[in-house]
Protein backbone atom coordinates (compact mmCIF):
# COMPACT_ATOMS: atom_id res chain seq x y z
CA UNK A 1 8.85 -1.96 -16.34
CA UNK A 2 11.68 -1.42 -18.76
CA UNK A 3 14.45 -4.00 -18.99
CA UNK A 4 17.05 -1.41 -18.10
CA UNK A 5 15.53 -0.18 -14.87
CA UNK A 6 13.53 -1.41 -11.91
CA UNK A 7 11.81 2.00 -11.78
CA UNK A 8 8.21 2.07 -13.02
CA UNK A 9 7.74 3.75 -16.38
CA UNK A 10 4.73 5.37 -18.04
CA UNK A 11 3.21 2.01 -19.01
CA UNK A 12 3.22 0.83 -15.38
CA UNK A 13 1.24 3.88 -14.24
CA UNK A 14 -1.15 3.58 -17.20
CA UNK A 15 -1.74 -0.11 -16.51
CA UNK A 16 -2.28 0.53 -12.80
CA UNK A 17 -4.82 3.28 -13.54
CA UNK A 18 -6.58 0.96 -15.97
CA UNK A 19 -6.84 -1.78 -13.32
CA UNK A 20 -8.23 0.72 -10.81
CA UNK A 21 -10.96 1.91 -13.19
CA UNK A 22 -11.81 -1.38 -14.92
CA UNK A 23 -14.76 -3.56 -13.94
CA UNK A 24 -13.95 -6.36 -16.41
CA UNK A 25 -12.69 -9.46 -14.55
CA UNK A 26 -13.62 -7.89 -11.19
CA UNK A 27 -16.35 -9.14 -8.86
CA UNK A 28 -18.03 -6.72 -6.46
CA UNK A 29 -17.98 -8.06 -2.88
CA UNK A 30 -19.18 -5.06 -0.90
CA UNK A 31 -21.04 -1.86 -1.73
CA UNK A 32 -22.44 0.50 0.88
CA UNK A 33 -21.96 3.99 2.33
CA UNK A 34 -19.86 5.15 -0.61
CA UNK A 35 -17.42 2.20 -0.28
CA UNK A 36 -16.98 -0.66 -2.72
CA UNK A 37 -14.70 -3.71 -2.51
CA UNK A 38 -13.81 -5.68 -5.65
CA UNK A 39 -11.87 -8.91 -6.12
CA UNK A 40 -10.20 -9.81 -9.40
CA UNK A 41 -11.61 -12.92 -11.02
CA UNK A 42 -10.11 -14.21 -14.24
CA UNK A 43 -12.00 -17.47 -14.33
CA UNK A 44 -9.69 -20.48 -14.22
CA UNK A 45 -6.57 -18.40 -13.76
CA UNK A 46 -7.50 -17.11 -10.31
CA UNK A 47 -4.29 -16.54 -8.32
CA UNK A 48 -3.82 -17.98 -4.86
CA UNK A 49 -3.50 -14.49 -3.45
CA UNK A 50 -6.44 -12.29 -4.38
CA UNK A 51 -5.94 -8.94 -6.02
CA UNK A 52 -8.40 -6.61 -4.37
CA UNK A 53 -9.42 -3.01 -4.77
CA UNK A 54 -11.42 -0.62 -2.64
CA UNK A 55 -13.13 2.42 -4.06
CA UNK A 56 -14.30 5.23 -1.82
CA UNK A 57 -16.24 8.36 -2.68
CA UNK A 58 -14.93 11.23 -0.57
CA UNK A 59 -16.94 14.45 -0.43
CA UNK A 60 -15.08 16.45 2.22
CA UNK A 61 -11.33 16.11 1.43
CA UNK A 62 -9.47 17.19 -1.71
CA UNK A 63 -7.50 14.78 -3.90
CA UNK A 64 -4.33 16.80 -3.19
CA UNK A 65 -4.78 16.40 0.58
CA UNK A 66 -5.35 12.64 0.32
CA UNK A 67 -2.17 12.36 -1.74
CA UNK A 68 -0.23 14.32 0.91
CA UNK A 69 -1.57 12.07 3.67
CA UNK A 70 -0.35 8.96 1.85
CA UNK A 71 3.15 10.43 1.60
CA UNK A 72 3.61 12.16 4.93
CA UNK A 73 5.55 9.74 7.13
CA UNK A 74 5.58 12.10 10.12
CA UNK A 75 1.82 12.42 10.03
CA UNK A 76 1.35 8.68 9.70
CA UNK A 77 2.74 8.22 13.20
CA UNK A 78 -0.27 10.13 14.52
CA UNK A 79 -3.00 8.08 12.84
CA UNK A 80 -1.74 4.56 12.03
CA UNK A 81 -2.22 2.45 15.19
CA UNK A 82 -0.73 -0.71 13.62
CA UNK A 83 2.61 0.80 12.68
CA UNK A 84 5.68 -0.47 14.54
CA UNK A 85 8.35 1.30 12.54
CA UNK A 86 8.43 3.24 9.28
CA UNK A 87 11.17 5.14 7.50
CA UNK A 88 12.39 6.14 4.05
CA UNK A 89 15.71 4.48 3.16
CA UNK A 90 16.83 6.34 0.03
CA UNK A 91 15.77 8.35 -3.00
CA UNK A 92 15.88 6.63 -6.37
CA UNK A 93 14.66 9.51 -8.57
CA UNK A 94 12.58 12.69 -8.29
CA UNK A 95 9.43 10.56 -7.97
CA UNK A 96 10.63 7.28 -6.47
CA UNK A 97 12.07 6.07 -3.18
CA UNK A 98 12.65 2.90 -1.21
CA UNK A 99 11.31 2.51 2.30
CA UNK A 100 10.72 0.20 5.26
CA UNK A 101 7.48 -0.45 7.15
CA UNK A 102 6.64 -2.92 9.92
CA UNK A 103 3.29 -3.48 11.60
CA UNK A 104 1.51 -5.23 14.44
CA UNK A 105 -0.54 -8.32 13.64
CA UNK A 106 -3.21 -9.70 15.97
CA UNK A 107 -1.78 -12.36 18.28
CA UNK A 108 -0.83 -15.16 17.85
CA UNK A 109 0.25 -14.21 14.32
CA UNK A 110 3.79 -12.86 14.05
CA UNK A 111 4.31 -9.20 13.21
CA UNK A 112 5.22 -8.36 9.59
CA UNK A 113 7.58 -6.04 7.75
CA UNK A 114 8.11 -5.03 4.16
CA UNK A 115 10.72 -3.19 2.05
CA UNK A 116 9.17 -1.51 -0.96
CA UNK A 117 10.02 0.64 -3.92
CA UNK A 118 7.43 3.41 -4.15
CA UNK A 119 6.88 5.61 -7.18
CA UNK A 120 4.32 8.31 -7.88
CA UNK A 121 2.88 10.41 -10.67
CA UNK A 122 0.95 13.67 -10.43
CA UNK A 123 -1.12 15.26 -13.23
CA UNK A 124 -3.64 18.10 -13.04
CA UNK A 125 -6.37 16.21 -11.21
CA UNK A 126 -4.98 12.68 -10.81
CA UNK A 127 -2.51 11.20 -8.36
CA UNK A 128 -1.07 7.69 -8.63
CA UNK A 129 1.20 5.87 -6.18
CA UNK A 130 2.47 2.33 -6.83
CA UNK A 131 4.73 0.13 -4.75
CA UNK A 132 6.18 -3.37 -4.88
CA UNK A 133 8.60 -5.34 -2.73
CA UNK A 134 12.33 -5.16 -3.36
CA UNK A 135 15.48 -6.70 -1.90
CA UNK A 136 17.74 -4.10 -0.33
CA UNK A 137 21.28 -5.25 0.60
CA UNK A 138 21.15 -3.54 4.00
CA UNK A 139 17.64 -4.61 5.02
CA UNK A 140 17.39 -8.41 4.80
CA UNK A 141 14.53 -10.26 6.52
CA UNK A 142 14.68 -10.09 10.33
CA UNK A 143 14.43 -13.00 12.74
CA UNK A 144 11.71 -11.37 14.86
CA UNK A 145 9.39 -10.47 11.95
CA UNK A 146 7.92 -12.21 8.91
CA UNK A 147 8.90 -10.44 5.68
CA UNK A 148 5.71 -9.84 3.69
CA UNK A 149 5.52 -9.20 -0.05
CA UNK A 150 3.77 -6.46 -1.99
CA UNK A 151 3.35 -7.89 -5.48
CA UNK A 152 1.63 -4.65 -6.48
CA UNK A 153 -0.04 -2.14 -4.18
CA UNK A 154 -1.06 1.42 -4.75
CA UNK A 155 -3.53 4.28 -4.84
CA UNK A 156 -5.36 6.18 -7.54
CA UNK A 157 -6.85 9.50 -6.44
CA UNK A 158 -8.94 11.59 -8.82
CA UNK A 159 -10.35 15.03 -8.02
CA UNK A 160 -14.12 15.29 -8.51
CA UNK A 161 -14.38 18.84 -7.15
CA UNK A 162 -12.40 21.37 -5.14
CA UNK A 163 -12.89 19.39 -1.93
CA UNK A 164 -13.94 15.95 -3.14
CA UNK A 165 -12.35 12.96 -4.83
CA UNK A 166 -12.55 9.34 -5.84
CA UNK A 167 -10.07 7.33 -3.80
CA UNK A 168 -9.05 3.84 -4.95
CA UNK A 169 -6.72 1.40 -3.20
CA UNK A 170 -5.55 -1.67 -5.11
CA UNK A 171 -3.42 -4.42 -3.65
CA UNK A 172 -2.07 -7.87 -4.32
CA UNK A 173 0.08 -8.77 -1.33
CA UNK A 174 1.32 -11.96 0.30
CA UNK A 175 1.78 -11.77 4.08
CA UNK A 176 3.95 -14.93 3.88
CA UNK A 177 4.22 -17.13 6.95
CA UNK A 178 2.01 -20.18 6.60
CA UNK A 179 -1.39 -18.58 6.98
CA UNK A 180 -3.97 -20.48 4.93
CA UNK A 181 -4.69 -18.53 1.75
CA UNK A 182 -8.42 -18.38 2.56
CA UNK A 183 -7.57 -16.60 5.81
CA UNK A 184 -5.40 -14.11 3.93
CA UNK A 185 -8.08 -13.46 1.33
CA UNK A 186 -10.92 -13.17 3.85
CA UNK A 187 -8.86 -10.83 6.02
CA UNK A 188 -8.02 -8.58 3.07
CA UNK A 189 -11.74 -8.08 2.26
CA UNK A 190 -12.44 -7.06 5.84
CA UNK A 191 -9.29 -5.02 6.49
CA UNK A 192 -9.17 -2.95 3.30
CA UNK A 193 -12.37 -0.94 4.05
CA UNK A 194 -11.13 -0.33 7.62
CA UNK A 195 -7.82 0.98 6.29
CA UNK A 196 -9.65 3.20 3.79
CA UNK A 197 -11.84 4.68 6.50
CA UNK A 198 -8.86 5.48 8.71
CA UNK A 199 -6.98 7.13 5.80
CA UNK A 200 -10.08 9.20 5.01
CA UNK A 201 -10.33 10.28 8.65
CA UNK A 202 -6.64 11.19 8.57
CA UNK A 203 -7.34 13.31 5.48
CA UNK A 204 -10.03 15.28 7.33
CA UNK A 205 -7.60 16.42 10.04
CA UNK A 206 -4.42 16.71 7.94
CA UNK A 207 -4.66 20.38 6.83
CA UNK A 208 -4.91 21.54 10.44
CA UNK A 209 -2.04 19.28 11.56
CA UNK A 210 0.18 20.27 8.62
CA UNK A 211 -0.35 23.97 9.38
CA UNK A 212 1.47 23.35 12.69
CA UNK A 213 4.12 20.99 11.28
CA UNK A 214 6.39 22.45 8.58
CA UNK A 215 3.51 23.49 6.28
CA UNK A 216 5.80 24.20 3.34
CA UNK A 217 7.75 20.92 3.54
CA UNK A 218 6.37 18.49 0.95
CA UNK A 219 9.37 16.76 -0.64
CA UNK A 220 7.05 14.38 -2.52
CA UNK A 221 5.88 17.43 -4.52
CA UNK A 222 9.10 19.47 -4.34
CA UNK A 223 12.11 17.17 -4.95
CA UNK A 224 14.57 19.93 -4.02
CA UNK A 225 13.34 19.68 -0.41
CA UNK A 226 14.28 16.00 -0.25
CA UNK A 227 17.30 15.41 1.99
CA UNK A 228 17.38 11.61 1.61
CA UNK A 229 20.56 10.13 0.16
CA UNK A 230 20.36 9.06 -3.49
CA UNK A 231 20.72 5.37 -4.31
CA UNK A 232 21.32 3.62 -7.60
CA UNK A 233 18.12 1.66 -8.41
CA UNK A 234 20.32 -1.05 -9.97
CA UNK A 235 21.32 -2.10 -6.44
CA UNK A 236 17.74 -3.24 -5.83
CA UNK A 237 16.02 -6.31 -7.21
CA UNK A 238 12.38 -7.36 -7.14
CA UNK A 239 11.58 -9.50 -4.07
CA UNK A 240 9.74 -12.64 -5.09
CA UNK A 241 7.49 -14.35 -2.56
CA UNK A 242 8.84 -17.83 -3.25
CA UNK A 243 12.38 -16.88 -2.25
CA UNK A 244 11.33 -16.18 1.35
CA UNK A 245 10.89 -18.96 3.86
CA UNK A 246 7.46 -19.66 5.32
CA UNK A 247 7.41 -19.43 9.10
CA UNK A 248 5.09 -22.05 10.54
CA UNK A 249 2.15 -20.37 12.23
CA UNK A 250 -0.39 -23.12 11.59
CA UNK A 251 -0.48 -24.51 15.13
CA UNK A 252 -1.23 -21.02 16.42
CA UNK A 253 -3.87 -20.45 13.76
CA UNK A 254 -5.78 -23.62 14.62
CA UNK A 255 -6.42 -22.33 18.11
CA UNK A 256 -7.68 -19.06 16.66
CA UNK A 257 -9.97 -20.53 14.01
CA UNK A 258 -12.83 -21.11 16.46
CA UNK A 259 -12.65 -17.54 17.70
CA UNK A 260 -12.31 -15.87 14.32
CA UNK A 261 -14.87 -17.76 12.28
CA UNK A 262 -17.93 -15.80 13.40
């Protein structure tokens, strides 16, 4: 990211793509039915919070449709069962915005929310979306939710045919609270493929849904359609995990450990 702006530049997208496609320093944890899960491993420098990526081979949905699904907030309400609330806050540029998302966590863990800057890049047959957590003056952490952190999360979608694509999700995120890191890391391995499968399923039914719901409205591809208010990116700053308090959930977790360990 350039020193003058919080907005991702060309090098950020190039680096993200490189991470998605690289196998150096990545260990394969799962590989079946066209789905792979990888965890970054840099030897002694392994971070407390794993960086993971999921790669899925899709043979019945186009890259363009998968990209639309990832952007379409209205459609997300129909297929994301964990979502509590989701909305775009403001536009930052023709290909960047800031938004809010909160989601249900399995009891007794507290529900989470996140405020992220999202930016995207489209070329002929490649689509990249990256996001990371930011501080927004009007959306501080709430008392009833734990503010989670996206250190870097995103998608790389590459067309492999007219109706097929490679779909990669990469994430390094800290759910905060006081969940043991091994719980966070284990959960991410299990949850990521589930999320991928549900996004793929959403892609299969999107064209039909979109035909009935403002088929020509795609502000993520046509910036002139975007009615969100513009905001100066300089009013945002990167949200660091260590500046948020940890809510103690350990007593609740202990009771769950016996149930969740199988």
